[in-house]
Amino acid sequence: MYALIKNEEVTKMHEIINKIVQQNQSLFGTNPKIDKINIGFTNTIYNINDLYIVKICTDEDNEKEFKKEIDFYNSNKNNNLIPKLYCSSINKKDVPYFYEIIEKIDGVSLYNVWHTFSEEQREDIIKQLCDAMKQIHSNIGEKYDWTKTMQEKFMPLYIQAKNLNIFNEEEQKLLDYAYSKFNKYLDSNDFVLIHNDLHFDNIFYNDGKIKLIDFERSMYAPRDFELDILYRMIRKPWKFASEETERYTDSGDYTNIMLYIEKYYPELVSNPNLHQRLAIYDMVYFLEQLVKHPELEELKNDVIFGAKVVALKDEITFNDVKTPMELMDFMNVNIEYGWIDNQGFKHLNNLKGFRKNYRISSIDKMLEVGLGTCIEQAKMIKYFFDKMGFENKLYCYRSYETEENFDKDIRMHCFVLFKYNDSWYHFEHSNRPKRGIHKYDSVESAIEDITSGFKDHGDIRKLTEIDSIPSGLTFKEFNNFVNEFDDTKRKKI
């Protein structure tokens, strides 16, 4: 009986694709080559002449999402970074299904090739991705209550999780507090059309160029919600890879993606509460997975971590921090890489005018504005370890600068090592690709590893151990301050 039903379905789809082909002879010709593609669960897909894709929605439950994709194509007709839509139908008159005819994209999933790229190639790919997102986001939507939308997603899941006894009393208090902050952090005015499923399986690569695919989840939402999937993929790339491409995913290959997004699409990351908003999105996403798989401790930890990020902003001050991990969590939430110029203007991830207009901020000033370069951040990190009684060492690794040269690139990095249980650790926050607490066998091995990451710039740097970083110095004055240390304290690399 099953075989008979299966044969009837095959015959029916054969008739349907032939009817679609006949209706579009001007596109396909009179005797096109037709190949069925065995992918997808809610759609039946055909390759026509190796030039066109016919996508037929054979699942009525998916028709709303399928129409979203058609609407997406119609809203982005001039975007050459997505496939071209040739024809679509949702009337079910001649063909009893929704269907669309789109350009066939050559190439492979970006997951297949990302691990083979140089960093320059990766930057170019993300620049293209930013261009694609900008074009998509140029479609402006009407404002709606985004806070209420997220609250209504979160609360039924949270109630279900409590009924399953997933969280203990302390964890529930944390989640309740984080939920109370939704109103504060989720207020939104910037509503645009977003892809809403941006990961590397939905980005095709061919000969240096990319194209985006799969728009059934597209929606109008705050601009930063585009980062919901993308930022999660950057942190856990294997989560979105297929079985075939998962073996290629090394998290180290993804560390600079957010830096490139900040460079080429700063508007996407400009919300001052971005960390808290992304953490709330994580809470909802992972909670939805957790109630389906309550036995998975990793999902529970992901929900709790998101709640901590939301809560830390208000609940934890610098003086409350007691451990290196608490300090890292605190800085992740409260300190961005940047600086304040002589006029009081903020500069986020941008060193333009730094030599001329910079003065070292005090720790209190950095905490007030939430911005600090490696200089201020190292100053605060050392202060913390001194206060907590950890043996530590403060270093400045830079090219010597004895003359004014406002156009020269900044070649300096300040960092701190600390000792705990007879091991040395590198506490790194300002250098985003290396952010974390890294363990070493010795001070020497730590220094070798840290400085080796800068040697490919082609400049000559010297490492100097210093005992403090005074506030108020210009960049040149700080260089002179470092230069004045005894040769016995200065180690040359």
Protein backbone atom coordinates (compact mmCIF):
# COMPACT_ATOMS: atom_id res chain seq x y z
CA MET A 1 0.00 0.00 0.00
CA TYR A 2 2.83 2.43 0.90
CA ALA A 3 4.52 1.79 -2.46
CA LEU A 4 1.25 2.46 -4.28
CA ILE A 5 0.74 5.78 -2.49
CA LYS A 6 4.35 6.72 -3.15
CA ASN A 7 3.96 5.99 -6.86
CA GLU A 8 0.79 8.10 -6.99
CA GLU A 9 2.66 11.02 -5.37
CA VAL A 10 5.51 10.70 -7.86
CA THR A 11 3.07 10.65 -10.78
CA LYS A 12 1.23 13.69 -9.41
CA MET A 13 4.44 15.72 -8.98
CA HIS A 14 5.56 14.67 -12.46
CA GLU A 15 2.34 16.11 -13.88
CA ILE A 16 2.70 19.30 -11.85
CA ILE A 17 6.28 20.06 -12.87
CA ASN A 18 5.38 19.38 -16.50
CA LYS A 19 2.50 21.86 -16.23
CA ILE A 20 4.78 24.51 -14.70
CA VAL A 21 7.35 23.93 -17.45
CA GLN A 22 4.68 24.18 -20.13
CA GLN A 23 3.37 27.45 -18.72
CA ASN A 24 6.89 28.91 -18.76
CA GLN A 25 8.18 27.78 -22.17
CA SER A 26 9.48 31.26 -22.87
CA LEU A 27 11.88 30.72 -19.98
CA PHE A 28 12.66 27.01 -20.25
CA GLY A 29 12.25 26.25 -23.96
CA THR A 30 10.17 23.45 -25.44
CA ASN A 31 12.24 20.45 -24.34
CA PRO A 32 14.07 21.36 -21.14
CA LYS A 33 16.19 19.08 -19.00
CA ILE A 34 14.39 18.42 -15.70
CA ASP A 35 16.14 16.99 -12.63
CA LYS A 36 14.57 16.54 -9.23
CA ILE A 37 16.76 17.63 -6.31
CA ASN A 38 16.43 15.49 -3.20
CA ILE A 39 16.67 18.21 -0.58
CA GLY A 40 14.13 19.86 1.66
CA PHE A 41 11.26 18.50 3.74
CA THR A 42 8.50 21.01 3.05
CA ASN A 43 9.26 21.77 -0.60
CA THR A 44 9.78 19.75 -3.77
CA ILE A 45 12.61 21.16 -5.87
CA TYR A 46 13.58 20.76 -9.51
CA ASN A 47 16.60 21.88 -11.50
CA ILE A 48 15.66 23.04 -15.00
CA ASN A 49 18.38 23.20 -17.68
CA ASP A 50 20.91 23.70 -14.87
CA LEU A 51 19.89 27.37 -14.97
CA TYR A 52 16.65 27.58 -13.00
CA ILE A 53 15.24 26.20 -9.77
CA VAL A 54 11.54 25.41 -9.45
CA LYS A 55 10.54 25.29 -5.80
CA ILE A 56 7.08 23.85 -5.05
CA CYS A 57 5.53 24.17 -1.58
CA THR A 58 3.96 20.76 -1.04
CA ASP A 59 3.24 21.31 2.66
CA GLU A 60 0.24 23.55 3.37
CA ASP A 61 1.57 24.26 6.86
CA ASN A 62 4.59 25.95 5.24
CA GLU A 63 2.66 28.20 2.86
CA LYS A 64 2.93 31.26 5.11
CA GLU A 65 6.73 30.94 5.20
CA PHE A 66 6.86 30.21 1.47
CA LYS A 67 4.95 33.41 0.73
CA LYS A 68 7.41 35.27 2.95
CA GLU A 69 10.20 34.15 0.64
CA ILE A 70 8.31 35.32 -2.46
CA ASP A 71 7.63 38.69 -0.82
CA PHE A 72 11.31 38.89 0.13
CA TYR A 73 12.40 38.42 -3.48
CA ASN A 74 9.92 41.04 -4.68
CA SER A 75 11.26 43.51 -2.11
CA ASN A 76 14.87 42.96 -3.22
CA LYS A 77 14.69 42.87 -7.02
CA ASN A 78 17.83 44.96 -7.46
CA ASN A 79 19.97 43.04 -4.96
CA ASN A 80 22.54 41.10 -7.00
CA LEU A 81 23.71 39.24 -3.90
CA ILE A 82 20.58 37.05 -3.85
CA PRO A 83 19.12 34.80 -6.60
CA LYS A 84 16.82 36.37 -9.16
CA LEU A 85 13.10 35.56 -8.96
CA TYR A 86 11.67 34.90 -12.45
CA CYS A 87 8.13 33.83 -11.64
CA SER A 88 5.90 32.87 -8.71
CA SER A 89 2.32 31.79 -8.11
CA ILE A 90 0.15 31.50 -5.00
CA ASN A 91 -3.31 31.33 -6.60
CA LYS A 92 -3.45 27.50 -6.91
CA LYS A 93 -5.55 27.70 -10.07
CA ASP A 94 -3.61 25.72 -12.66
CA VAL A 95 -1.13 24.32 -10.14
CA PRO A 96 -2.54 23.24 -6.74
CA TYR A 97 0.54 24.47 -4.85
CA PHE A 98 2.45 27.67 -4.23
CA TYR A 99 5.59 27.72 -6.38
CA GLU A 100 8.44 29.95 -7.49
CA ILE A 101 11.06 29.91 -10.24
CA ILE A 102 14.43 31.35 -9.25
CA GLU A 103 17.94 31.58 -10.61
CA LYS A 104 20.10 28.52 -9.96
CA ILE A 105 23.14 29.50 -7.91
CA ASP A 106 26.47 27.88 -8.68
CA GLY A 107 28.96 27.23 -5.93
CA VAL A 108 29.07 25.66 -2.49
CA SER A 109 27.99 26.48 1.03
CA LEU A 110 30.39 28.91 2.70
CA TYR A 111 30.90 26.26 5.39
CA ASN A 112 32.64 24.10 2.77
CA VAL A 113 35.38 26.62 2.04
CA TRP A 114 35.69 29.06 4.96
CA HIS A 115 38.47 27.04 6.58
CA THR A 116 40.56 27.30 3.38
CA PHE A 117 40.51 31.11 3.16
CA SER A 118 43.20 33.57 4.17
CA GLU A 119 42.16 36.30 6.61
CA GLU A 120 42.13 38.79 3.72
CA GLN A 121 39.67 36.61 1.81
CA ARG A 122 37.49 36.26 4.88
CA GLU A 123 37.37 40.01 5.35
CA ASP A 124 36.30 40.44 1.72
CA ILE A 125 33.53 37.86 2.13
CA ILE A 126 32.16 39.60 5.23
CA LYS A 127 32.34 42.93 3.40
CA GLN A 128 30.12 41.40 0.69
CA LEU A 129 27.80 40.01 3.36
CA CYS A 130 27.53 43.47 4.91
CA ASP A 131 26.65 44.92 1.50
CA ALA A 132 23.94 42.27 1.09
CA MET A 133 22.52 42.97 4.54
CA LYS A 134 22.50 46.73 3.94
CA GLN A 135 20.46 46.25 0.77
CA ILE A 136 18.01 43.92 2.51
CA HIS A 137 17.73 46.26 5.50
CA SER A 138 16.93 49.21 3.23
CA ASN A 139 13.34 47.88 3.26
CA ILE A 140 11.82 49.79 6.17
CA GLY A 141 8.98 48.29 8.20
CA GLU A 142 6.35 49.68 10.53
CA LYS A 143 7.13 49.85 14.24
CA TYR A 144 5.48 47.34 16.56
CA ASP A 145 5.89 46.29 20.19
CA TRP A 146 9.13 44.30 20.00
CA THR A 147 9.41 44.00 23.77
CA LYS A 148 5.98 42.40 23.97
CA THR A 149 6.86 40.07 21.10
CA MET A 150 9.93 38.76 22.91
CA GLN A 151 8.10 38.56 26.25
CA GLU A 152 5.35 36.48 24.66
CA LYS A 153 7.97 34.15 23.18
CA PHE A 154 9.90 33.77 26.42
CA MET A 155 7.21 33.39 29.09
CA PRO A 156 5.36 30.26 27.82
CA LEU A 157 8.72 28.53 27.39
CA TYR A 158 9.83 29.59 30.85
CA ILE A 159 6.60 28.30 32.42
CA GLN A 160 7.10 25.01 30.62
CA ALA A 161 10.70 24.82 31.88
CA LYS A 162 9.55 25.47 35.47
CA ASN A 163 6.96 22.73 35.16
CA LEU A 164 9.77 20.42 34.08
CA ASN A 165 11.81 21.45 37.17
CA ILE A 166 14.77 22.39 34.98
CA PHE A 167 15.92 25.38 37.06
CA ASN A 168 16.58 25.53 40.80
CA GLU A 169 15.35 28.36 43.02
CA GLU A 170 18.45 30.54 42.61
CA GLU A 171 18.44 30.09 38.83
CA GLN A 172 14.76 31.05 38.69
CA LYS A 173 15.50 34.24 40.64
CA LEU A 174 18.18 35.11 38.09
CA LEU A 175 15.86 34.40 35.15
CA ASP A 176 13.03 36.38 36.76
CA TYR A 177 15.34 39.34 37.22
CA ALA A 178 16.64 39.13 33.64
CA TYR A 179 13.05 38.96 32.37
CA SER A 180 12.22 42.12 34.33
CA LYS A 181 14.87 43.92 32.25
CA PHE A 182 13.28 43.12 28.87
CA ASN A 183 11.43 46.46 28.95
CA LYS A 184 14.65 48.36 29.57
CA TYR A 185 16.79 46.77 26.88
CA LEU A 186 14.40 45.78 24.06
CA ASP A 187 12.79 49.13 23.22
CA SER A 188 13.24 49.50 19.44
CA ASN A 189 12.55 52.02 16.68
CA ASP A 190 14.67 50.71 13.80
CA PHE A 191 12.45 48.11 12.07
CA VAL A 192 13.72 46.70 8.78
CA LEU A 193 13.38 43.59 6.65
CA ILE A 194 15.85 40.93 7.82
CA HIS A 195 16.92 37.55 6.46
CA ASN A 196 16.53 36.01 9.94
CA ASP A 197 18.47 32.83 9.21
CA LEU A 198 21.96 34.03 8.33
CA HIS A 199 24.48 31.25 8.78
CA PHE A 200 27.06 29.85 6.37
CA ASP A 201 24.81 27.07 5.01
CA ASN A 202 22.59 29.85 3.65
CA ILE A 203 25.46 31.70 1.99
CA PHE A 204 26.77 30.27 -1.27
CA TYR A 205 30.29 30.96 -2.51
CA ASN A 206 31.59 30.82 -6.07
CA ASP A 207 34.80 32.29 -7.48
CA GLY A 208 35.22 34.99 -4.85
CA LYS A 209 31.56 36.04 -4.76
CA ILE A 210 28.69 35.19 -2.44
CA LYS A 211 24.92 34.95 -2.75
CA LEU A 212 22.38 34.49 0.02
CA ILE A 213 19.65 31.86 -0.13
CA ASP A 214 16.64 30.61 1.88
CA PHE A 215 14.40 33.52 2.84
CA GLU A 216 11.40 31.69 4.31
CA ARG A 217 12.13 33.00 7.81
CA SER A 218 12.46 36.63 6.68
CA MET A 219 10.56 39.19 8.73
CA TYR A 220 10.42 42.83 9.74
CA ALA A 221 12.25 43.27 13.03
CA PRO A 222 14.80 45.54 14.74
CA ARG A 223 17.96 45.70 12.67
CA ASP A 224 20.12 44.01 15.31
CA PHE A 225 17.90 40.90 15.30
CA GLU A 226 19.73 39.96 12.10
CA LEU A 227 22.63 39.13 14.40
CA ASP A 228 20.58 36.62 16.39
CA ILE A 229 21.54 33.59 14.28
CA LEU A 230 24.72 35.06 12.81
CA TYR A 231 26.35 35.94 16.15
CA ARG A 232 25.39 32.54 17.56
CA MET A 233 27.01 30.86 14.56
CA ILE A 234 30.19 32.90 15.07
CA ARG A 235 30.47 31.63 18.66
CA LYS A 236 29.38 28.04 17.92
CA PRO A 237 29.87 27.48 14.18
CA TRP A 238 29.34 23.72 14.36
CA LYS A 239 25.75 24.26 15.56
CA PHE A 240 24.54 25.31 12.11
CA ALA A 241 26.78 23.20 9.90
CA SER A 242 25.52 20.14 8.07
CA GLU A 243 26.93 16.71 8.93
CA GLU A 244 29.10 17.00 5.82
CA THR A 245 30.63 20.38 6.73
CA GLU A 246 30.75 20.15 10.53
CA ARG A 247 34.23 18.64 10.41
CA TYR A 248 35.53 21.87 8.83
CA THR A 249 34.31 24.14 11.65
CA ASP A 250 37.09 25.47 13.85
CA SER A 251 35.90 28.30 16.11
CA GLY A 252 39.27 30.02 15.67
CA ASP A 253 38.40 30.66 12.01
CA TYR A 254 35.38 32.75 13.04
CA THR A 255 36.84 35.08 15.67
CA ASN A 256 37.28 38.16 13.45
CA ILE A 257 33.85 38.16 11.80
CA MET A 258 32.33 40.64 14.26
CA LEU A 259 35.32 42.95 13.80
CA TYR A 260 34.68 43.02 10.05
CA ILE A 261 30.97 43.64 10.59
CA GLU A 262 31.83 46.55 12.90
CA LYS A 263 34.11 47.90 10.17
CA TYR A 264 31.78 47.56 7.17
CA TYR A 265 28.34 47.82 8.77
CA PRO A 266 28.71 49.80 12.02
CA GLU A 267 24.98 50.62 12.10
CA LEU A 268 24.24 46.94 12.72
CA VAL A 269 26.17 46.96 16.00
CA SER A 270 25.53 50.53 17.14
CA ASN A 271 22.80 49.86 19.72
CA PRO A 272 24.29 50.77 23.13
CA ASN A 273 22.50 47.78 24.69
CA LEU A 274 23.58 45.31 22.00
CA HIS A 275 25.16 42.82 24.43
CA GLN A 276 22.03 42.68 26.56
CA ARG A 277 19.73 42.40 23.53
CA LEU A 278 21.74 39.55 22.02
CA ALA A 279 21.75 37.85 25.43
CA ILE A 280 17.95 38.10 25.59
CA TYR A 281 17.69 36.61 22.10
CA ASP A 282 19.95 33.79 23.32
CA MET A 283 17.73 33.21 26.34
CA VAL A 284 14.68 32.75 24.12
CA TYR A 285 16.47 30.63 21.52
CA PHE A 286 18.17 28.24 23.93
CA LEU A 287 15.11 28.00 26.19
CA GLU A 288 13.08 26.83 23.21
CA GLN A 289 15.67 24.11 22.60
CA LEU A 290 15.91 23.26 26.30
CA VAL A 291 12.23 22.47 26.84
CA LYS A 292 12.51 19.99 23.98
CA HIS A 293 15.70 18.47 25.44
CA PRO A 294 15.63 19.14 29.21
CA GLU A 295 18.37 16.59 29.79
CA LEU A 296 20.99 18.69 27.95
CA GLU A 297 23.02 20.62 30.53
CA GLU A 298 24.75 22.67 27.82
CA LEU A 299 21.44 24.25 26.76
CA LYS A 300 20.59 25.08 30.37
CA ASN A 301 24.00 26.72 30.83
CA ASP A 302 23.43 28.77 27.66
CA VAL A 303 20.14 30.11 29.04
CA ILE A 304 21.72 30.92 32.41
CA PHE A 305 24.69 32.65 30.79
CA GLY A 306 22.36 34.86 28.75
CA ALA A 307 20.46 35.79 31.91
CA LYS A 308 23.72 36.66 33.68
CA VAL A 309 24.72 39.02 30.87
CA VAL A 310 21.36 40.80 31.12
CA ALA A 311 21.54 40.99 34.92
CA LEU A 312 25.21 41.90 35.29
CA LYS A 313 24.79 45.32 33.68
CA ASP A 314 22.73 46.56 36.61
CA GLU A 315 23.53 44.21 39.47
CA ILE A 316 27.33 43.92 39.43
CA THR A 317 29.69 46.86 39.87
CA PHE A 318 33.46 46.74 39.43
CA ASN A 319 33.86 46.73 43.22
CA ASP A 320 31.69 43.58 43.44
CA VAL A 321 34.02 41.58 41.19
CA LYS A 322 36.06 39.02 43.14
CA THR A 323 37.47 36.49 40.65
CA PRO A 324 39.19 36.65 37.23
CA MET A 325 36.16 34.99 35.56
CA GLU A 326 33.82 37.53 37.18
CA LEU A 327 36.09 40.29 35.89
CA MET A 328 35.93 38.87 32.35
CA ASP A 329 32.12 38.64 32.53
CA PHE A 330 31.94 42.18 33.89
CA MET A 331 34.16 43.59 31.13
CA ASN A 332 32.29 41.68 28.41
CA VAL A 333 29.12 43.45 29.47
CA ASN A 334 30.45 46.87 30.44
CA ILE A 335 33.60 47.69 28.44
CA GLU A 336 33.91 48.15 24.67
CA TYR A 337 37.12 48.88 22.79
CA GLY A 338 37.26 52.62 22.23
CA TRP A 339 38.36 55.97 23.64
CA ILE A 340 37.28 59.49 24.56
CA ASP A 341 39.01 62.39 22.81
CA ASN A 342 39.98 65.78 24.24
CA GLN A 343 36.56 67.18 23.32
CA GLY A 344 34.69 64.38 25.08
CA PHE A 345 33.61 62.60 21.88
CA LYS A 346 33.45 58.80 21.89
CA HIS A 347 35.35 56.69 19.34
CA LEU A 348 34.25 53.05 19.14
CA ASN A 349 36.65 50.59 17.45
CA ASN A 350 38.28 53.46 15.57
CA LEU A 351 41.72 54.99 16.19
CA LYS A 352 41.41 57.91 13.75
CA GLY A 353 42.84 61.02 15.43
CA PHE A 354 44.14 58.94 18.33
CA ARG A 355 47.70 60.32 18.37
CA LYS A 356 46.55 63.91 18.37
CA ASN A 357 43.45 63.86 20.57
CA TYR A 358 43.90 61.01 23.06
CA ARG A 359 44.62 61.09 26.77
CA ILE A 360 44.63 58.04 29.05
CA SER A 361 41.33 57.82 30.93
CA SER A 362 41.14 57.00 34.61
CA ILE A 363 39.50 53.73 35.64
CA ASP A 364 36.44 55.63 36.89
CA LYS A 365 36.13 57.48 33.57
CA MET A 366 36.41 54.25 31.59
CA LEU A 367 33.69 52.66 33.70
CA GLU A 368 31.50 55.74 33.28
CA VAL A 369 31.68 55.80 29.47
CA GLY A 370 32.15 52.05 28.93
CA LEU A 371 35.10 52.56 26.59
CA GLY A 372 38.79 51.76 26.91
CA THR A 373 41.76 50.94 24.71
CA CYS A 374 44.23 48.23 25.65
CA ILE A 375 45.95 50.90 27.76
CA GLU A 376 42.97 51.67 30.02
CA GLN A 377 41.85 48.06 30.10
CA ALA A 378 45.30 46.84 31.16
CA LYS A 379 45.37 49.60 33.78
CA MET A 380 42.08 48.37 35.27
CA ILE A 381 43.04 44.68 35.06
CA LYS A 382 46.30 45.33 36.93
CA TYR A 383 44.44 47.38 39.55
CA PHE A 384 42.06 44.44 40.09
CA PHE A 385 44.84 41.87 40.53
CA ASP A 386 46.77 44.19 42.85
CA LYS A 387 43.64 44.69 44.95
CA MET A 388 42.90 40.95 45.11
CA GLY A 389 46.52 40.08 46.00
CA PHE A 390 47.43 38.20 42.81
CA GLU A 391 51.04 38.38 41.67
CA ASN A 392 50.93 40.04 38.24
CA LYS A 393 53.02 41.65 35.52
CA LEU A 394 52.06 44.55 33.25
CA TYR A 395 53.63 44.84 29.79
CA CYS A 396 53.66 47.26 26.88
CA TYR A 397 54.63 45.79 23.50
CA ARG A 398 55.13 48.49 20.88
CA SER A 399 57.24 50.23 18.30
CA TYR A 400 59.26 53.05 19.84
CA GLU A 401 57.91 56.48 18.95
CA THR A 402 60.22 59.38 19.63
CA GLU A 403 58.73 61.89 17.15
CA GLU A 404 55.24 63.14 16.33
CA ASN A 405 53.78 61.21 13.41
CA PHE A 406 50.01 61.50 13.38
CA ASP A 407 49.61 59.36 10.24
CA LYS A 408 51.58 56.34 11.39
CA ASP A 409 49.63 53.22 12.36
CA ILE A 410 49.32 52.49 16.07
CA ARG A 411 51.71 49.66 16.96
CA MET A 412 51.11 49.02 20.64
CA HIS A 413 49.45 46.46 22.87
CA CYS A 414 49.32 46.51 26.66
CA PHE A 415 48.52 43.32 28.53
CA VAL A 416 48.61 41.69 31.97
CA LEU A 417 49.80 38.30 33.19
CA PHE A 418 48.76 36.99 36.61
CA LYS A 419 49.78 34.03 38.74
CA TYR A 420 47.32 31.60 40.30
CA ASN A 421 48.07 28.20 41.88
CA ASP A 422 51.66 28.23 40.58
CA SER A 423 50.57 28.80 36.95
CA TRP A 424 50.70 31.97 34.88
CA TYR A 425 47.66 33.27 33.00
CA HIS A 426 47.16 35.90 30.33
CA PHE A 427 44.02 37.97 30.94
CA GLU A 428 43.06 39.41 27.56
CA HIS A 429 39.98 41.49 26.84
CA SER A 430 40.82 44.36 24.48
CA ASN A 431 42.18 42.10 21.70
CA ARG A 432 38.85 40.57 20.71
CA PRO A 433 40.19 37.59 18.68
CA LYS A 434 42.25 36.54 21.71
CA ARG A 435 39.71 37.48 24.37
CA GLY A 436 39.79 35.09 27.31
CA ILE A 437 41.94 33.80 30.18
CA HIS A 438 44.80 31.70 28.82
CA LYS A 439 46.99 29.38 30.91
CA TYR A 440 50.77 29.03 30.38
CA ASP A 441 53.59 27.02 31.92
CA SER A 442 55.73 30.12 32.43
CA VAL A 443 55.94 33.86 31.89
CA GLU A 444 58.35 33.23 29.01
CA SER A 445 55.98 30.90 27.15
CA ALA A 446 53.14 33.37 27.63
CA ILE A 447 55.18 36.26 26.25
CA GLU A 448 56.36 34.22 23.27
CA ASP A 449 52.80 33.24 22.37
CA ILE A 450 51.33 36.72 22.86
CA THR A 451 54.02 38.61 20.95
CA SER A 452 54.15 36.08 18.09
CA GLY A 453 50.65 37.14 17.11
CA PHE A 454 51.92 40.62 16.24
CA LYS A 455 55.12 39.75 14.38
CA ASP A 456 53.40 39.21 11.04
CA HIS A 457 52.72 42.96 10.83
CA GLY A 458 56.31 43.47 9.68
CA ASP A 459 57.14 46.12 12.26
CA ILE A 460 59.82 45.92 14.94
CA ARG A 461 58.42 46.00 18.46
CA LYS A 462 59.96 45.86 21.90
CA LEU A 463 58.46 44.51 25.08
CA THR A 464 58.75 46.52 28.28
CA GLU A 465 57.52 45.54 31.71
CA ILE A 466 56.13 48.60 33.49
CA ASP A 467 54.74 49.02 36.98
CA SER A 468 51.78 51.33 36.30
CA ILE A 469 49.86 53.37 33.73
CA PRO A 470 49.31 57.01 34.76
CA SER A 471 46.04 58.70 33.80
CA GLY A 472 45.98 61.87 31.70
CA LEU A 473 49.00 61.18 29.46
CA THR A 474 48.85 61.74 25.72
CA PHE A 475 49.85 58.85 23.48
CA LYS A 476 53.32 60.39 22.95
CA GLU A 477 53.73 61.04 26.68
CA PHE A 478 52.83 57.44 27.46
CA ASN A 479 55.45 56.25 24.95
CA ASN A 480 58.03 58.44 26.66
CA PHE A 481 56.92 57.09 30.04
CA VAL A 482 57.54 53.53 28.81
CA ASN A 483 60.87 54.52 27.23
CA GLU A 484 62.17 55.89 30.52
CA PHE A 485 62.10 52.48 32.25
CA ASP A 486 65.47 50.94 33.07
CA ASP A 487 67.01 48.65 30.48
CA THR A 488 66.98 46.01 33.19
CA LYS A 489 63.19 46.12 33.13
CA ARG A 490 62.96 46.18 29.35
CA LYS A 491 62.96 42.87 27.48
CA LYS A 492 63.67 42.93 23.79
CA ILE A 493 61.88 40.52 21.46
